[in-house]
Each structure stands twice: as structure tokens, then as C-alpha cells.
């Protein structure tokens, strides 16, 4: 593969990673907002069934947040590896 073709391939892959990273960061922000809403609902709820539903919702949102954060860190780690020695 020529140097020019290799450079194009790396730029294209980097652009895809940047797009994915941006989408992940947007998802993190949206999930943070949903977690805050779920906590507000939990704090205002009085019915045990409603409280239980908020607990499940908060746990599910926290799992999603952890996944998104892990993916961002993986992408950042891949980017740091591709940069060469530090």
C-alpha cells in the first residue's frame, strides 16, 4: 500500500472514530439527563410500585451510562495508541 493510500485510510478511520465518539458523548449527555429525571421521579414518588419502577429505571440508565463511558475510553485509548510514542 502506498503512503498516500495508507494516509487516506487512516484519516477515514479516524473520521469514523470521531463520529462515533461524538455520538457516544451525546448519548452520555442524554443519559445523564434521563438519570436526573428518574431520580427526581423517585424522590417524588410515594407508591411502592412506582418507587420500584424508578429503581429499575435508574439501574438500567446507569448500566447504559457505564457502557457509553467505557466505549469513549476505549476509543480514546485506541487513538492514543495510534499517535505513536509519547
PDB file of N, CA and C in Angstrom:
ATOM      1  N   UNK A   1       0.857  -1.173   0.000  1.00  0.00           N
ATOM      2  CA  UNK A   1       0.000   0.000   0.000  1.00  0.00           C
ATOM      3  C   UNK A   1       0.900   1.232   0.000  1.00  0.00           C
ATOM      4  N   UNK A   2       0.565   2.184  -0.821  1.00  0.00           N
ATOM      5  CA  UNK A   2       1.371   3.398  -0.891  1.00  0.00           C
ATOM      6  C   UNK A   2       1.160   4.239   0.356  1.00  0.00           C
ATOM      7  N   UNK A   3       2.100   5.144   0.607  1.00  0.00           N
ATOM      8  CA  UNK A   3       1.974   6.033   1.766  1.00  0.00           C
ATOM      9  C   UNK A   3       0.733   6.890   1.658  1.00  0.00           C
ATOM     10  N   UNK A   4       0.419   7.330   0.445  1.00  0.00           N
ATOM     11  CA  UNK A   4      -0.768   8.174   0.253  1.00  0.00           C
ATOM     12  C   UNK A   4      -2.044   7.402   0.552  1.00  0.00           C
ATOM     13  N   UNK A   5      -2.137   6.167   0.057  1.00  0.00           N
ATOM     14  CA  UNK A   5      -3.317   5.337   0.314  1.00  0.00           C
ATOM     15  C   UNK A   5      -3.432   5.016   1.798  1.00  0.00           C
ATOM     16  N   UNK A   6      -2.304   4.730   2.440  1.00  0.00           N
ATOM     17  CA  UNK A   6      -2.314   4.426   3.874  1.00  0.00           C
ATOM     18  C   UNK A   6      -2.791   5.647   4.668  1.00  0.00           C
ATOM     19  N   UNK A   7      -2.315   6.821   4.290  1.00  0.00           N
ATOM     20  CA  UNK A   7      -2.734   8.051   4.974  1.00  0.00           C
ATOM     21  C   UNK A   7      -4.217   8.306   4.815  1.00  0.00           C
ATOM     22  N   UNK A   8      -4.744   8.052   3.617  1.00  0.00           N
ATOM     23  CA  UNK A   8      -6.177   8.242   3.380  1.00  0.00           C
ATOM     24  C   UNK A   8      -6.984   7.273   4.231  1.00  0.00           C
ATOM     25  N   UNK A   9      -6.523   6.023   4.284  1.00  0.00           N
ATOM     26  CA  UNK A   9      -7.206   5.003   5.067  1.00  0.00           C
ATOM     27  C   UNK A   9      -7.223   5.374   6.550  1.00  0.00           C
ATOM     28  N   UNK A  10      -6.101   5.856   7.066  1.00  0.00           N
ATOM     29  CA  UNK A  10      -6.027   6.257   8.473  1.00  0.00           C
ATOM     30  C   UNK A  10      -6.924   7.454   8.757  1.00  0.00           C
ATOM     31  N   UNK A  11      -6.957   8.418   7.826  1.00  0.00           N
ATOM     32  CA  UNK A  11      -7.822   9.595   8.016  1.00  0.00           C
ATOM     33  C   UNK A  11      -9.283   9.197   7.999  1.00  0.00           C
ATOM     34  N   UNK A  12      -9.653   8.280   7.090  1.00  0.00           N
ATOM     35  CA  UNK A  12     -11.046   7.846   7.000  1.00  0.00           C
ATOM     36  C   UNK A  12     -11.449   7.115   8.273  1.00  0.00           C
ATOM     37  N   UNK A  13     -10.565   6.235   8.775  1.00  0.00           N
ATOM     38  CA  UNK A  13     -10.869   5.504  10.008  1.00  0.00           C
ATOM     39  C   UNK A  13     -10.958   6.480  11.178  1.00  0.00           C
ATOM     40  N   UNK A  14     -10.067   7.447  11.214  1.00  0.00           N
ATOM     41  CA  UNK A  14     -10.068   8.442  12.300  1.00  0.00           C
ATOM     42  C   UNK A  14     -11.354   9.267  12.258  1.00  0.00           C
ATOM     43  N   UNK A  15     -11.816   9.597  11.055  1.00  0.00           N
ATOM     44  CA  UNK A  15     -13.067  10.343  10.927  1.00  0.00           C
ATOM     45  C   UNK A  15     -14.248   9.542  11.440  1.00  0.00           C
ATOM     46  N   UNK A  16     -14.259   8.242  11.151  1.00  0.00           N
ATOM     47  CA  UNK A  16     -15.332   7.381  11.650  1.00  0.00           C
ATOM     48  C   UNK A  16     -15.280   7.292  13.169  1.00  0.00           C
ATOM     49  N   UNK A  17     -14.074   7.208  13.734  1.00  0.00           N
ATOM     50  CA  UNK A  17     -13.936   7.155  15.191  1.00  0.00           C
ATOM     51  C   UNK A  17     -14.396   8.469  15.826  1.00  0.00           C
ATOM     52  N   UNK A  18     -14.064   9.586  15.187  1.00  0.00           N
ATOM     53  CA  UNK A  18     -14.509  10.884  15.708  1.00  0.00           C
ATOM     54  C   UNK A  18     -16.029  10.979  15.687  1.00  0.00           C
ATOM     55  N   UNK A  19     -16.653  10.483  14.623  1.00  0.00           N
ATOM     56  CA  UNK A  19     -18.107  10.498  14.517  1.00  0.00           C
ATOM     57  C   UNK A  19     -18.725   9.623  15.601  1.00  0.00           C
ATOM     58  N   UNK A  20     -18.146   8.427  15.790  1.00  0.00           N
ATOM     59  CA  UNK A  20     -18.653   7.527  16.825  1.00  0.00           C
ATOM     60  C   UNK A  20     -18.467   8.143  18.209  1.00  0.00           C
ATOM     61  N   UNK A  21     -17.318   8.746  18.447  1.00  0.00           N
ATOM     62  CA  UNK A  21     -17.043   9.366  19.748  1.00  0.00           C
ATOM     63  C   UNK A  21     -18.043  10.483  20.029  1.00  0.00           C
ATOM     64  N   UNK A  22     -18.334  11.291  19.012  1.00  0.00           N
ATOM     65  CA  UNK A  22     -19.303  12.380  19.178  1.00  0.00           C
ATOM     66  C   UNK A  22     -20.688  11.826  19.519  1.00  0.00           C
ATOM     67  N   UNK A  23     -21.088  10.765  18.825  1.00  0.00           N
ATOM     68  CA  UNK A  23     -22.386  10.147  19.112  1.00  0.00           C
ATOM     69  C   UNK A  23     -22.415   9.583  20.532  1.00  0.00           C
ATOM     70  N   UNK A  24     -21.317   8.971  20.961  1.00  0.00           N
ATOM     71  CA  UNK A  24     -21.239   8.435  22.319  1.00  0.00           C
ATOM     72  C   UNK A  24     -21.334   9.549  23.359  1.00  0.00           C
ATOM     73  N   UNK A  25     -20.656  10.665  23.106  1.00  0.00           N
ATOM     74  CA  UNK A  25     -20.707  11.790  24.048  1.00  0.00           C
ATOM     75  C   UNK A  25     -22.104  12.379  24.127  1.00  0.00           C
ATOM     76  N   UNK A  26     -22.791  12.451  22.990  1.00  0.00           N
ATOM     77  CA  UNK A  26     -24.179  12.927  23.010  1.00  0.00           C
ATOM     78  C   UNK A  26     -25.053  11.966  23.800  1.00  0.00           C
ATOM     79  N   UNK A  27     -24.828  10.664  23.616  1.00  0.00           N
ATOM     80  CA  UNK A  27     -25.570   9.665  24.376  1.00  0.00           C
ATOM     81  C   UNK A  27     -25.309   9.777  25.864  1.00  0.00           C
ATOM     82  N   UNK A  28     -24.065  10.065  26.238  1.00  0.00           N
ATOM     83  CA  UNK A  28     -23.749  10.262  27.658  1.00  0.00           C
ATOM     84  C   UNK A  28     -24.532  11.439  28.232  1.00  0.00           C
ATOM     85  N   UNK A  29     -24.574  12.525  27.501  1.00  0.00           N
ATOM     86  CA  UNK A  29     -25.315  13.696  27.972  1.00  0.00           C
ATOM     87  C   UNK A  29     -26.805  13.423  28.115  1.00  0.00           C
ATOM     88  N   UNK A  30     -27.371  12.747  27.125  1.00  0.00           N
ATOM     89  CA  UNK A  30     -28.796  12.412  27.185  1.00  0.00           C
ATOM     90  C   UNK A  30     -29.078  11.450  28.333  1.00  0.00           C
ATOM     91  N   UNK A  31     -28.201  10.488  28.532  1.00  0.00           N
ATOM     92  CA  UNK A  31     -28.401   9.512  29.603  1.00  0.00           C
ATOM     93  C   UNK A  31     -28.276  10.173  30.969  1.00  0.00           C
ATOM     94  N   UNK A  32     -27.328  11.107  31.101  1.00  0.00           N
ATOM     95  CA  UNK A  32     -27.204  11.858  32.361  1.00  0.00           C
ATOM     96  C   UNK A  32     -28.497  12.599  32.672  1.00  0.00           C
ATOM     97  N   UNK A  33     -29.097  13.217  31.656  1.00  0.00           N
ATOM     98  CA  UNK A  33     -30.354  13.953  31.854  1.00  0.00           C
ATOM     99  C   UNK A  33     -31.475  12.996  32.260  1.00  0.00           C
ATOM    100  N   UNK A  34     -31.528  11.841  31.625  1.00  0.00           N
ATOM    101  CA  UNK A  34     -32.564  10.853  31.968  1.00  0.00           C
ATOM    102  C   UNK A  34     -32.374  10.315  33.385  1.00  0.00           C
ATOM    103  N   UNK A  35     -31.131  10.143  33.803  1.00  0.00           N
ATOM    104  CA  UNK A  35     -30.867   9.694  35.178  1.00  0.00           C
ATOM    105  C   UNK A  35     -31.352  10.749  36.173  1.00  0.00           C
ATOM    106  N   UNK A  36     -31.092  12.010  35.877  1.00  0.00           N
ATOM    107  CA  UNK A  36     -31.546  13.089  36.765  1.00  0.00           C
ATOM    108  C   UNK A  36     -33.076  13.108  36.842  1.00  0.00           C
ATOM    109  N   UNK A  37     -33.743  12.909  35.718  1.00  0.00           N
ATOM    110  CA  UNK A  37     -35.215  12.865  35.710  1.00  0.00           C
ATOM    111  C   UNK A  37     -35.727  11.680  36.517  1.00  0.00           C
ATOM    112  N   UNK A  38     -35.078  10.536  36.368  1.00  0.00           N
ATOM    113  CA  UNK A  38     -35.507   9.347  37.097  1.00  0.00           C
ATOM    114  C   UNK A  38     -35.328   9.541  38.604  1.00  0.00           C
ATOM    115  N   UNK A  39     -34.228  10.159  39.004  1.00  0.00           N
ATOM    116  CA  UNK A  39     -34.027  10.437  40.426  1.00  0.00           C
ATOM    117  C   UNK A  39     -35.080  11.414  40.951  1.00  0.00           C
ATOM    118  N   UNK A  40     -35.427  12.404  40.155  1.00  0.00           N
ATOM    119  CA  UNK A  40     -36.467  13.355  40.568  1.00  0.00           C
ATOM    120  C   UNK A  40     -37.803  12.633  40.749  1.00  0.00           C
ATOM    121  N   UNK A  41     -38.126  11.746  39.815  1.00  0.00           N
ATOM    122  CA  UNK A  41     -39.362  10.968  39.945  1.00  0.00           C
ATOM    123  C   UNK A  41     -39.326  10.058  41.155  1.00  0.00           C
ATOM    124  N   UNK A  42     -38.196   9.439  41.387  1.00  0.00           N
ATOM    125  CA  UNK A  42     -38.028   8.562  42.547  1.00  0.00           C
ATOM    126  C   UNK A  42     -38.249   9.346  43.838  1.00  0.00           C
ATOM    127  N   UNK A  43     -37.652  10.529  43.913  1.00  0.00           N
ATOM    128  CA  UNK A  43     -37.775  11.342  45.125  1.00  0.00           C
ATOM    129  C   UNK A  43     -39.190  11.842  45.353  1.00  0.00           C
ATOM    130  N   UNK A  44     -39.962  11.984  44.284  1.00  0.00           N
ATOM    131  CA  UNK A  44     -41.332  12.480  44.413  1.00  0.00           C
ATOM    132  C   UNK A  44     -42.352  11.356  44.571  1.00  0.00           C
ATOM    133  N   UNK A  45     -41.955  10.131  44.312  1.00  0.00           N
ATOM    134  CA  UNK A  45     -42.895   9.003  44.335  1.00  0.00           C
ATOM    135  C   UNK A  45     -43.223   8.593  45.760  1.00  0.00           C
ATOM    136  N   UNK A  46     -44.462   8.155  45.940  1.00  0.00           N
ATOM    137  CA  UNK A  46     -44.888   7.674  47.243  1.00  0.00           C
ATOM    138  C   UNK A  46     -45.348   6.230  47.199  1.00  0.00           C
ATOM    139  N   UNK A  47     -45.821   5.796  46.066  1.00  0.00           N
ATOM    140  CA  UNK A  47     -46.331   4.445  45.902  1.00  0.00           C
ATOM    141  C   UNK A  47     -45.163   3.450  45.765  1.00  0.00           C
ATOM    142  N   UNK A  48     -45.202   2.362  46.511  1.00  0.00           N
ATOM    143  CA  UNK A  48     -44.099   1.391  46.452  1.00  0.00           C
ATOM    144  C   UNK A  48     -43.842   0.830  45.042  1.00  0.00           C
ATOM    145  N   UNK A  49     -44.897   0.592  44.280  1.00  0.00           N
ATOM    146  CA  UNK A  49     -44.707   0.076  42.919  1.00  0.00           C
ATOM    147  C   UNK A  49     -44.014   1.104  42.039  1.00  0.00           C
ATOM    148  N   UNK A  50     -44.375   2.360  42.209  1.00  0.00           N
ATOM    149  CA  UNK A  50     -43.752   3.427  41.425  1.00  0.00           C
ATOM    150  C   UNK A  50     -42.283   3.602  41.834  1.00  0.00           C
ATOM    151  N   UNK A  51     -42.023   3.526  43.118  1.00  0.00           N
ATOM    152  CA  UNK A  51     -40.641   3.608  43.607  1.00  0.00           C
ATOM    153  C   UNK A  51     -39.804   2.484  43.003  1.00  0.00           C
ATOM    154  N   UNK A  52     -40.361   1.270  43.007  1.00  0.00           N
ATOM    155  CA  UNK A  52     -39.650   0.128  42.436  1.00  0.00           C
ATOM    156  C   UNK A  52     -39.368   0.331  40.944  1.00  0.00           C
ATOM    157  N   UNK A  53     -40.326   0.897  40.233  1.00  0.00           N
ATOM    158  CA  UNK A  53     -40.106   1.130  38.801  1.00  0.00           C
ATOM    159  C   UNK A  53     -38.987   2.147  38.572  1.00  0.00           C
ATOM    160  N   UNK A  54     -38.905   3.157  39.425  1.00  0.00           N
ATOM    161  CA  UNK A  54     -37.814   4.129  39.301  1.00  0.00           C
ATOM    162  C   UNK A  54     -36.458   3.498  39.628  1.00  0.00           C
ATOM    163  N   UNK A  55     -36.426   2.589  40.583  1.00  0.00           N
ATOM    164  CA  UNK A  55     -35.180   1.897  40.911  1.00  0.00           C
ATOM    165  C   UNK A  55     -34.693   1.114  39.690  1.00  0.00           C
ATOM    166  N   UNK A  56     -35.594   0.392  39.038  1.00  0.00           N
ATOM    167  CA  UNK A  56     -35.211  -0.360  37.841  1.00  0.00           C
ATOM    168  C   UNK A  56     -34.764   0.579  36.727  1.00  0.00           C
ATOM    169  N   UNK A  57     -35.477   1.681  36.554  1.00  0.00           N
ATOM    170  CA  UNK A  57     -35.119   2.639  35.511  1.00  0.00           C
ATOM    171  C   UNK A  57     -33.730   3.241  35.772  1.00  0.00           C
ATOM    172  N   UNK A  58     -33.481   3.624  37.009  1.00  0.00           N
ATOM    173  CA  UNK A  58     -32.180   4.208  37.356  1.00  0.00           C
ATOM    174  C   UNK A  58     -31.063   3.194  37.126  1.00  0.00           C
ATOM    175  N   UNK A  59     -31.279   1.946  37.540  1.00  0.00           N
ATOM    176  CA  UNK A  59     -30.255   0.917  37.331  1.00  0.00           C
ATOM    177  C   UNK A  59     -29.981   0.684  35.846  1.00  0.00           C
ATOM    178  N   UNK A  60     -31.026   0.656  35.039  1.00  0.00           N
ATOM    179  CA  UNK A  60     -30.855   0.457  33.600  1.00  0.00           C
ATOM    180  C   UNK A  60     -30.102   1.633  32.977  1.00  0.00           C
ATOM    181  N   UNK A  61     -30.449   2.844  33.373  1.00  0.00           N
ATOM    182  CA  UNK A  61     -29.777   4.025  32.835  1.00  0.00           C
ATOM    183  C   UNK A  61     -28.316   4.084  33.268  1.00  0.00           C
ATOM    184  N   UNK A  62     -28.037   3.686  34.499  1.00  0.00           N
ATOM    185  CA  UNK A  62     -26.652   3.661  34.960  1.00  0.00           C
ATOM    186  C   UNK A  62     -25.834   2.623  34.198  1.00  0.00           C
ATOM    187  N   UNK A  63     -26.451   1.501  33.866  1.00  0.00           N
ATOM    188  CA  UNK A  63     -25.757   0.487  33.056  1.00  0.00           C
ATOM    189  C   UNK A  63     -25.461   1.041  31.662  1.00  0.00           C
ATOM    190  N   UNK A  64     -26.418   1.745  31.068  1.00  0.00           N
ATOM    191  CA  UNK A  64     -26.202   2.355  29.755  1.00  0.00           C
ATOM    192  C   UNK A  64     -25.088   3.390  29.831  1.00  0.00           C
ATOM    193  N   UNK A  65     -25.113   4.213  30.873  1.00  0.00           N
ATOM    194  CA  UNK A  65     -24.089   5.242  31.046  1.00  0.00           C
ATOM    195  C   UNK A  65     -22.699   4.607  31.162  1.00  0.00           C
ATOM    196  N   UNK A  66     -22.584   3.531  31.937  1.00  0.00           N
ATOM    197  CA  UNK A  66     -21.308   2.840  32.096  1.00  0.00           C
ATOM    198  C   UNK A  66     -20.806   2.302  30.761  1.00  0.00           C
ATOM    199  N   UNK A  67     -21.715   1.728  29.975  1.00  0.00           N
ATOM    200  CA  UNK A  67     -21.338   1.214  28.654  1.00  0.00           C
ATOM    201  C   UNK A  67     -20.811   2.335  27.757  1.00  0.00           C
ATOM    202  N   UNK A  68     -21.562   3.429  27.688  1.00  0.00           N
ATOM    203  CA  UNK A  68     -21.161   4.542  26.823  1.00  0.00           C
ATOM    204  C   UNK A  68     -19.811   5.111  27.258  1.00  0.00           C
ATOM    205  N   UNK A  69     -19.621   5.265  28.549  1.00  0.00           N
ATOM    206  CA  UNK A  69     -18.362   5.792  29.073  1.00  0.00           C
ATOM    207  C   UNK A  69     -17.200   4.852  28.753  1.00  0.00           C
ATOM    208  N   UNK A  70     -17.429   3.558  28.901  1.00  0.00           N
ATOM    209  CA  UNK A  70     -16.394   2.577  28.575  1.00  0.00           C
ATOM    210  C   UNK A  70     -16.020   2.642  27.097  1.00  0.00           C
ATOM    211  N   UNK A  71     -17.009   2.803  26.212  1.00  0.00           N
ATOM    212  CA  UNK A  71     -16.735   2.897  24.776  1.00  0.00           C
ATOM    213  C   UNK A  71     -15.924   4.152  24.451  1.00  0.00           C
ATOM    214  N   UNK A  72     -16.249   5.277  25.086  1.00  0.00           N
ATOM    215  CA  UNK A  72     -15.481   6.506  24.859  1.00  0.00           C
ATOM    216  C   UNK A  72     -14.030   6.293  25.289  1.00  0.00           C
ATOM    217  N   UNK A  73     -13.839   5.681  26.441  1.00  0.00           N
ATOM    218  CA  UNK A  73     -12.484   5.433  26.932  1.00  0.00           C
ATOM    219  C   UNK A  73     -11.737   4.481  26.007  1.00  0.00           C
ATOM    220  N   UNK A  74     -12.425   3.480  25.465  1.00  0.00           N
ATOM    221  CA  UNK A  74     -11.789   2.558  24.521  1.00  0.00           C
ATOM    222  C   UNK A  74     -11.350   3.303  23.266  1.00  0.00           C
ATOM    223  N   UNK A  75     -12.210   4.167  22.744  1.00  0.00           N
ATOM    224  CA  UNK A  75     -11.849   4.941  21.558  1.00  0.00           C
ATOM    225  C   UNK A  75     -10.681   5.866  21.849  1.00  0.00           C
ATOM    226  N   UNK A  76     -10.693   6.496  23.008  1.00  0.00           N
ATOM    227  CA  UNK A  76      -9.593   7.388  23.377  1.00  0.00           C
ATOM    228  C   UNK A  76      -8.299   6.598  23.531  1.00  0.00           C
ATOM    229  N   UNK A  77      -8.395   5.391  24.061  1.00  0.00           N
ATOM    230  CA  UNK A  77      -7.220   4.541  24.198  1.00  0.00           C
ATOM    231  C   UNK A  77      -6.679   4.122  22.851  1.00  0.00           C
ATOM    232  N   UNK A  78      -7.580   3.781  21.906  1.00  0.00           N
ATOM    233  CA  UNK A  78      -7.171   3.420  20.549  1.00  0.00           C
ATOM    234  C   UNK A  78      -6.509   4.602  19.860  1.00  0.00           C
ATOM    235  N   UNK A  79      -7.038   5.786  20.074  1.00  0.00           N
ATOM    236  CA  UNK A  79      -6.480   6.989  19.455  1.00  0.00           C
ATOM    237  C   UNK A  79      -5.078   7.269  20.013  1.00  0.00           C
ATOM    238  N   UNK A  80      -4.920   7.053  21.324  1.00  0.00           N
ATOM    239  CA  UNK A  80      -3.613   7.305  21.941  1.00  0.00           C
ATOM    240  C   UNK A  80      -2.581   6.305  21.434  1.00  0.00           C
ATOM    241  N   UNK A  81      -2.984   5.069  21.194  1.00  0.00           N
ATOM    242  CA  UNK A  81      -2.072   4.054  20.677  1.00  0.00           C
ATOM    243  C   UNK A  81      -1.653   4.409  19.267  1.00  0.00           C
ATOM    244  N   UNK A  82      -2.599   4.945  18.469  1.00  0.00           N
ATOM    245  CA  UNK A  82      -2.291   5.283  17.081  1.00  0.00           C
ATOM    246  C   UNK A  82      -1.433   6.513  16.928  1.00  0.00           C
ATOM    247  N   UNK A  83      -1.238   7.277  17.975  1.00  0.00           N
ATOM    248  CA  UNK A  83      -0.465   8.524  17.891  1.00  0.00           C
ATOM    249  C   UNK A  83       1.032   8.271  17.910  1.00  0.00           C
ATOM    250  N   UNK A  84       1.461   7.105  18.329  1.00  0.00           N
ATOM    251  CA  UNK A  84       2.891   6.837  18.400  1.00  0.00           C
ATOM    252  C   UNK A  84       3.405   7.049  19.808  1.00  0.00           C
ATOM    253  N   UNK A  85       4.723   6.981  19.981  1.00  0.00           N
ATOM    254  CA  UNK A  85       5.300   7.120  21.322  1.00  0.00           C
ATOM    255  C   UNK A  85       5.097   8.500  21.902  1.00  0.00           C
ATOM    256  N   UNK A  86       4.997   8.532  23.197  1.00  0.00           N
ATOM    257  CA  UNK A  86       4.810   9.812  23.885  1.00  0.00           C
ATOM    258  C   UNK A  86       6.064  10.195  24.608  1.00  0.00           C
TER     259      UNK A  86
END
